[in-house]
Amino acid sequence: MLIGIDLGTSMIKAAAFSPEGDCLAVASRKPNLRYLGRERIEQDFEEVVAAVGEVVGEVLAATGRTPIAVGVTGQSDGLWLLDERGYPVRRARRSPGGRGNPFRRAATGHRSAR
């Protein structure tokens, strides 16, 4: 069994798949986002870790199997500050909009980014 974990802004998800690609189980949680105005969002690192543990636990319980591999994908932006022990210094800063798009266009030359 393979497990995929998606740490999205709108949903934290885990899904289990057979080696042939059949979906065996899916679980998700809506993350707790703190909206601070002007396209500023914060997320608590510990809450994200707890949500991942919950969705992965549900998928493992539903399948009764042990994964042979785990893949993780994350959010495309944000600032997650950790101390020297790997603990969060503060809530993560997130940007829901396209504030970074002018920089991406300048760096890549692509105009498709809004």
Foldseek 3Di string as FASTA:
>chain_A
DEKEWEADQQKTKIWDADPVGHTQDMDIDGFDWDDPDPQKIWGAPVSSVVRNVVRVVVNCVSVVDDHPYYHYDYDPDWDFDADPVRHTPDTIIDGPDQPCVVVVCVVPVDPPRD
